[in-house]
Amino acid sequence: METQILLWCVITPAILSLAFVVGAWAIQRSESNAWSRPLPAVLAVIGWCVAVSACMYARQDLDWSALEAWQIVLVPIGIASLLLAACPCEADSLQATSPRTSFGLWWLIAGLGSVATAMWTMPTGDGWTDMLPLHRPWMASVAAASLINVWSLDRMRRHGASPWILWVGLAGLVAPTLLAASAYGGLAEWMVSGLVSTFVFATAAVLMPESTIGKLFPAVLLLAASTTATGRFYTYEDHPTWLYGLILLMPTCISIPDAWLRERSTMVRVSTAVVVAVLLLAVTGWFLLGDSLFGEPTEEW
């Protein structure tokens, strides 16, 4: 069992992601123009979706006529992220396109993608009838948190954090993975593949700072918000509301100190983000897994 998890949740996503990184690197080395600049980001989104979905396809006995919400939410996430990656929203990207118009289009896509992700995330069917009162508030929470996180990280990206912005997204993906691990094994395996794939592309973005690979970050943020909601519906634990809020807004919380440090050196900005991320993840991990890891064993009768 452990070998299968290692193969399909770690090794396979890493290899698939690396293959698309090589493609992005080849495009970056070729003669570039305004139209080819978004291609590394487009390849990153496609590669990330392929790598993440490969785990689910291999590890889950998929019945295509009865897929669960968390299994199909990658569709709106992938479509929205692909459009965002291809949309030219920089002032110097396309001379024939108005920067203000493309910027507005980018945020329109981000808004629609957040809402679509929130809608598709909600579990449906007769087994979830008693949970219907939670659907509307959680749908609103996922959509709002997704947009807030995208805005926060986009602000960082526009102030010189593009090469390492995916690492903030990766940190925001860890907390939902911990929640998934405490709720549902299949979902946790899928999230591990997401972590591995994001790690590969985050590393590539640092090694290729001139590329647009960092524009993959909306996909990571949408998946994190969606998984947080899914973990809430599948868990039997009664976690406090503030903890779910912290998990949903983890990337934004990490980005807050950077608003005052954006004129400082990259080392200072990255170090601060790492410290904040570690502290927040430690708090989240303690409340999610502390009892199971450090609690007293259940007495056997």
Protein backbone atom coordinates (compact mmCIF):
# COMPACT_ATOMS: atom_id res chain seq x y z
CA MET A 1 0.00 0.00 0.00
CA GLU A 2 2.77 2.45 0.97
CA THR A 3 4.60 1.65 -2.27
CA GLN A 4 1.51 2.41 -4.34
CA ILE A 5 0.99 5.72 -2.54
CA LEU A 6 4.63 6.66 -3.07
CA LEU A 7 4.43 5.75 -6.75
CA TRP A 8 1.16 7.48 -7.66
CA CYS A 9 1.03 10.34 -5.15
CA VAL A 10 4.69 11.40 -5.16
CA ILE A 11 6.82 9.97 -7.96
CA THR A 12 4.29 10.15 -10.80
CA PRO A 13 3.18 13.77 -10.13
CA ALA A 14 6.82 14.80 -9.78
CA ILE A 15 7.81 13.22 -13.12
CA LEU A 16 4.80 14.62 -14.99
CA SER A 17 5.35 18.10 -13.55
CA LEU A 18 9.05 17.97 -14.39
CA ALA A 19 8.23 17.07 -18.00
CA PHE A 20 6.10 20.19 -18.37
CA VAL A 21 8.78 22.27 -16.64
CA VAL A 22 11.24 21.13 -19.32
CA GLY A 23 8.73 22.23 -21.97
CA ALA A 24 8.38 25.64 -20.32
CA TRP A 25 12.16 25.96 -20.14
CA ALA A 26 12.49 25.13 -23.85
CA ILE A 27 9.92 27.81 -24.74
CA GLN A 28 11.70 30.36 -22.59
CA ARG A 29 15.02 29.64 -24.33
CA SER A 30 13.49 30.07 -27.79
CA GLU A 31 12.94 33.43 -29.41
CA SER A 32 10.14 34.98 -27.42
CA ASN A 33 7.57 37.58 -28.33
CA ALA A 34 4.50 39.06 -26.70
CA TRP A 35 2.33 36.14 -27.80
CA SER A 36 4.64 33.41 -26.55
CA ARG A 37 5.26 34.95 -23.11
CA PRO A 38 2.16 33.34 -21.48
CA LEU A 39 3.02 29.87 -22.82
CA PRO A 40 5.15 28.74 -19.83
CA ALA A 41 2.26 29.64 -17.52
CA VAL A 42 -0.20 27.78 -19.75
CA LEU A 43 2.05 24.72 -19.77
CA ALA A 44 2.41 24.95 -16.00
CA VAL A 45 -1.36 24.93 -15.49
CA ILE A 46 -1.85 22.01 -17.89
CA GLY A 47 1.01 20.06 -16.34
CA TRP A 48 -0.22 20.75 -12.81
CA CYS A 49 -3.74 19.55 -13.64
CA VAL A 50 -2.41 16.43 -15.38
CA ALA A 51 -0.11 15.60 -12.48
CA VAL A 52 -2.80 16.09 -9.84
CA SER A 53 -5.51 14.20 -11.72
CA ALA A 54 -3.15 11.28 -12.51
CA CYS A 55 -3.07 10.34 -8.83
CA MET A 56 -6.84 10.33 -8.56
CA TYR A 57 -7.19 8.30 -11.75
CA ALA A 58 -4.69 5.69 -10.55
CA ARG A 59 -5.71 5.47 -6.89
CA GLN A 60 -9.50 5.85 -7.11
CA ASP A 61 -11.86 3.31 -8.61
CA LEU A 62 -13.59 5.96 -10.70
CA ASP A 63 -17.16 5.52 -11.77
CA TRP A 64 -17.55 8.35 -14.28
CA SER A 65 -21.32 8.39 -13.82
CA ALA A 66 -21.08 8.87 -10.06
CA LEU A 67 -18.10 11.15 -9.41
CA GLU A 68 -18.11 13.06 -6.14
CA ALA A 69 -17.84 16.84 -5.98
CA TRP A 70 -14.22 16.86 -4.82
CA GLN A 71 -13.29 14.62 -7.78
CA ILE A 72 -14.73 16.89 -10.46
CA VAL A 73 -13.91 20.30 -9.00
CA LEU A 74 -10.60 20.20 -10.88
CA VAL A 75 -12.60 20.98 -14.04
CA PRO A 76 -13.61 24.56 -13.13
CA ILE A 77 -10.26 25.07 -11.39
CA GLY A 78 -8.34 23.98 -14.49
CA ILE A 79 -10.45 25.99 -16.95
CA ALA A 80 -10.34 29.19 -14.89
CA SER A 81 -6.60 28.87 -14.20
CA LEU A 82 -5.83 28.16 -17.85
CA LEU A 83 -7.71 31.28 -18.93
CA LEU A 84 -5.96 33.34 -16.26
CA ALA A 85 -2.56 32.05 -17.35
CA ALA A 86 -3.27 32.90 -21.00
CA CYS A 87 -4.82 36.32 -20.27
CA PRO A 88 -2.30 39.15 -20.82
CA CYS A 89 -2.71 41.39 -17.79
CA GLU A 90 0.73 43.10 -17.75
CA ALA A 91 1.06 46.54 -19.23
CA ASP A 92 3.82 45.46 -21.62
CA SER A 93 2.37 42.10 -22.62
CA LEU A 94 0.46 43.03 -25.75
CA GLN A 95 0.82 46.44 -27.32
CA ALA A 96 -2.46 46.04 -29.18
CA THR A 97 -4.42 45.32 -26.03
CA SER A 98 -5.43 47.91 -23.50
CA PRO A 99 -3.80 47.06 -20.14
CA ARG A 100 -6.89 48.27 -18.31
CA THR A 101 -9.17 46.09 -20.44
CA SER A 102 -7.04 42.96 -20.04
CA PHE A 103 -6.69 43.62 -16.31
CA GLY A 104 -10.47 43.81 -15.94
CA LEU A 105 -10.88 40.64 -17.98
CA TRP A 106 -8.37 38.86 -15.76
CA TRP A 107 -10.36 39.70 -12.64
CA LEU A 108 -13.65 38.80 -14.30
CA ILE A 109 -12.25 35.33 -15.02
CA ALA A 110 -10.89 35.09 -11.47
CA GLY A 111 -14.30 35.99 -10.04
CA LEU A 112 -16.21 33.56 -12.21
CA GLY A 113 -13.66 30.82 -11.52
CA SER A 114 -13.96 31.36 -7.77
CA VAL A 115 -17.76 31.18 -7.89
CA ALA A 116 -17.71 28.10 -10.14
CA THR A 117 -15.24 26.36 -7.85
CA ALA A 118 -17.39 27.17 -4.82
CA MET A 119 -20.52 25.80 -6.51
CA TRP A 120 -18.90 22.58 -7.75
CA THR A 121 -17.23 21.95 -4.38
CA MET A 122 -20.51 21.42 -2.52
CA PRO A 123 -21.36 17.71 -2.11
CA THR A 124 -24.70 16.67 -3.55
CA GLY A 125 -26.99 13.66 -3.34
CA ASP A 126 -29.41 12.12 -0.91
CA GLY A 127 -26.66 11.43 1.62
CA TRP A 128 -26.00 15.14 2.08
CA THR A 129 -29.55 16.37 2.64
CA ASP A 130 -28.96 17.13 6.31
CA MET A 131 -25.93 19.27 5.37
CA LEU A 132 -27.77 21.52 2.91
CA PRO A 133 -28.06 24.42 5.42
CA LEU A 134 -24.24 24.64 5.33
CA HIS A 135 -24.02 24.86 1.56
CA ARG A 136 -24.76 28.56 1.10
CA PRO A 137 -22.40 29.91 3.80
CA TRP A 138 -19.64 27.56 2.72
CA MET A 139 -20.17 28.40 -0.94
CA ALA A 140 -19.84 32.09 -0.11
CA SER A 141 -16.78 31.41 2.07
CA VAL A 142 -14.96 29.45 -0.64
CA ALA A 143 -15.68 32.06 -3.33
CA ALA A 144 -14.74 35.01 -1.10
CA ALA A 145 -11.60 33.37 0.30
CA SER A 146 -10.46 32.39 -3.19
CA LEU A 147 -10.80 35.94 -4.48
CA ILE A 148 -9.15 37.47 -1.42
CA ASN A 149 -6.22 35.05 -1.66
CA VAL A 150 -5.82 35.63 -5.39
CA TRP A 151 -5.85 39.40 -4.84
CA SER A 152 -3.29 39.17 -2.03
CA LEU A 153 -0.84 37.01 -3.95
CA ASP A 154 -1.34 38.95 -7.16
CA ARG A 155 -0.39 42.09 -5.25
CA MET A 156 2.78 40.35 -4.07
CA ARG A 157 3.51 39.16 -7.61
CA ARG A 158 3.24 42.69 -8.98
CA HIS A 159 5.75 43.90 -6.42
CA GLY A 160 8.60 41.56 -7.32
CA ALA A 161 7.52 38.28 -5.70
CA SER A 162 6.73 36.46 -8.94
CA PRO A 163 9.65 33.97 -8.70
CA TRP A 164 8.61 32.76 -5.24
CA ILE A 165 4.87 33.43 -5.15
CA LEU A 166 4.09 29.73 -5.65
CA TRP A 167 5.81 28.94 -2.36
CA VAL A 168 3.19 31.03 -0.57
CA GLY A 169 0.52 29.11 -2.46
CA LEU A 170 2.24 25.84 -1.48
CA ALA A 171 2.13 26.86 2.19
CA GLY A 172 -1.56 27.62 1.78
CA LEU A 173 -2.07 24.12 0.38
CA VAL A 174 -0.47 22.39 3.37
CA ALA A 175 -3.22 23.31 5.84
CA PRO A 176 -6.07 21.85 3.70
CA THR A 177 -3.95 18.74 3.26
CA LEU A 178 -3.71 18.36 7.04
CA LEU A 179 -7.48 18.79 7.26
CA ALA A 180 -7.97 16.19 4.53
CA ALA A 181 -5.62 13.80 6.34
CA SER A 182 -7.83 14.01 9.42
CA ALA A 183 -11.01 13.43 7.41
CA TYR A 184 -10.69 11.32 4.26
CA GLY A 185 -7.79 9.17 3.04
CA GLY A 186 -8.57 9.40 -0.68
CA LEU A 187 -8.78 13.19 -0.53
CA ALA A 188 -5.52 13.33 1.43
CA GLU A 189 -3.72 11.26 -1.22
CA TRP A 190 -4.96 13.59 -3.92
CA MET A 191 -3.75 16.61 -1.96
CA VAL A 192 -0.30 15.05 -1.52
CA SER A 193 -0.03 14.85 -5.31
CA GLY A 194 -1.05 18.53 -5.44
CA LEU A 195 1.68 19.41 -2.96
CA VAL A 196 4.32 17.50 -4.94
CA SER A 197 3.30 19.04 -8.25
CA THR A 198 3.17 22.55 -6.78
CA PHE A 199 6.60 22.01 -5.22
CA VAL A 200 8.10 21.13 -8.60
CA PHE A 201 6.64 24.17 -10.33
CA ALA A 202 7.53 26.45 -7.40
CA THR A 203 11.13 25.31 -7.63
CA ALA A 204 11.11 25.84 -11.39
CA ALA A 205 9.74 29.37 -10.95
CA VAL A 206 12.68 30.23 -8.69
CA LEU A 207 15.20 28.74 -11.11
CA MET A 208 13.57 30.50 -14.08
CA PRO A 209 12.64 33.93 -12.65
CA GLU A 210 12.00 35.43 -16.09
CA SER A 211 9.30 32.88 -16.92
CA THR A 212 5.58 33.19 -16.21
CA ILE A 213 5.32 29.89 -14.35
CA GLY A 214 4.38 31.78 -11.19
CA LYS A 215 0.98 32.57 -12.73
CA LEU A 216 -0.02 29.04 -11.77
CA PHE A 217 -0.84 30.35 -8.29
CA PRO A 218 -4.63 30.82 -8.83
CA ALA A 219 -5.02 27.08 -9.46
CA VAL A 220 -3.27 26.28 -6.20
CA LEU A 221 -5.40 28.77 -4.26
CA LEU A 222 -8.66 27.51 -5.74
CA LEU A 223 -7.78 23.91 -4.91
CA ALA A 224 -6.84 24.90 -1.34
CA ALA A 225 -10.16 26.68 -0.73
CA SER A 226 -12.14 23.85 -2.31
CA THR A 227 -10.38 21.18 -0.26
CA THR A 228 -10.98 23.12 2.95
CA ALA A 229 -14.72 22.99 2.30
CA THR A 230 -14.56 19.31 1.34
CA GLY A 231 -12.61 18.52 4.50
CA ARG A 232 -15.28 20.31 6.54
CA PHE A 233 -18.06 18.21 5.04
CA TYR A 234 -16.21 14.90 5.44
CA THR A 235 -14.80 15.35 8.91
CA TYR A 236 -16.45 14.07 12.07
CA GLU A 237 -14.50 16.49 14.24
CA ASP A 238 -16.08 19.68 15.54
CA HIS A 239 -13.35 22.18 14.67
CA PRO A 240 -13.87 25.83 15.64
CA THR A 241 -15.01 28.31 13.00
CA TRP A 242 -11.91 30.46 13.37
CA LEU A 243 -9.73 27.48 12.42
CA TYR A 244 -11.56 27.02 9.13
CA GLY A 245 -11.24 30.75 8.53
CA LEU A 246 -7.50 30.57 9.14
CA ILE A 247 -7.12 27.64 6.74
CA LEU A 248 -9.19 29.39 4.05
CA LEU A 249 -7.22 32.64 4.34
CA MET A 250 -3.78 31.18 5.06
CA PRO A 251 -2.14 32.64 1.90
CA THR A 252 -3.54 36.09 2.67
CA CYS A 253 -2.33 35.90 6.27
CA ILE A 254 1.17 35.03 5.03
CA SER A 255 1.09 37.94 2.59
CA ILE A 256 0.03 40.61 5.10
CA PRO A 257 3.53 41.46 6.48
CA ASP A 258 4.82 41.66 2.91
CA ALA A 259 2.64 44.73 2.32
CA TRP A 260 5.03 46.66 4.55
CA LEU A 261 8.18 44.87 3.38
CA ARG A 262 7.82 45.08 -0.39
CA GLU A 263 10.55 47.74 -0.60
CA ARG A 264 12.96 45.57 1.36
CA SER A 265 15.28 42.91 -0.03
CA THR A 266 14.01 39.59 -1.29
CA MET A 267 15.79 37.81 1.55
CA VAL A 268 13.90 39.82 4.16
CA ARG A 269 10.56 39.28 2.41
CA VAL A 270 11.07 35.55 1.94
CA SER A 271 12.36 35.03 5.49
CA THR A 272 9.37 36.86 6.95
CA ALA A 273 6.95 34.83 4.84
CA VAL A 274 8.61 31.59 5.95
CA VAL A 275 8.39 32.51 9.64
CA VAL A 276 4.73 33.51 9.38
CA ALA A 277 3.87 30.39 7.37
CA VAL A 278 5.59 28.06 9.85
CA LEU A 279 3.84 29.66 12.82
CA LEU A 280 0.40 29.52 11.20
CA LEU A 281 0.87 25.95 10.01
CA ALA A 282 2.07 24.91 13.48
CA VAL A 283 -1.09 26.34 15.03
CA THR A 284 -3.26 24.69 12.39
CA GLY A 285 -1.52 21.33 12.72
CA TRP A 286 -1.80 21.41 16.50
CA PHE A 287 -5.57 21.96 16.47
CA LEU A 288 -6.18 19.48 13.65
CA LEU A 289 -3.86 16.63 14.59
CA GLY A 290 -2.67 17.41 18.11
CA ASP A 291 -5.11 15.10 19.86
CA SER A 292 -4.38 12.14 17.59
CA LEU A 293 -0.61 12.62 17.75
CA PHE A 294 -0.10 13.63 21.36
CA GLY A 295 -3.31 12.61 23.10
CA GLU A 296 -3.53 9.70 25.48
CA PRO A 297 -4.36 6.36 23.82
CA THR A 298 -7.91 5.17 24.10
CA GLU A 299 -8.38 2.67 26.88
CA GLU A 300 -9.12 -0.83 25.64
CA TRP A 301 -11.83 -2.86 27.34
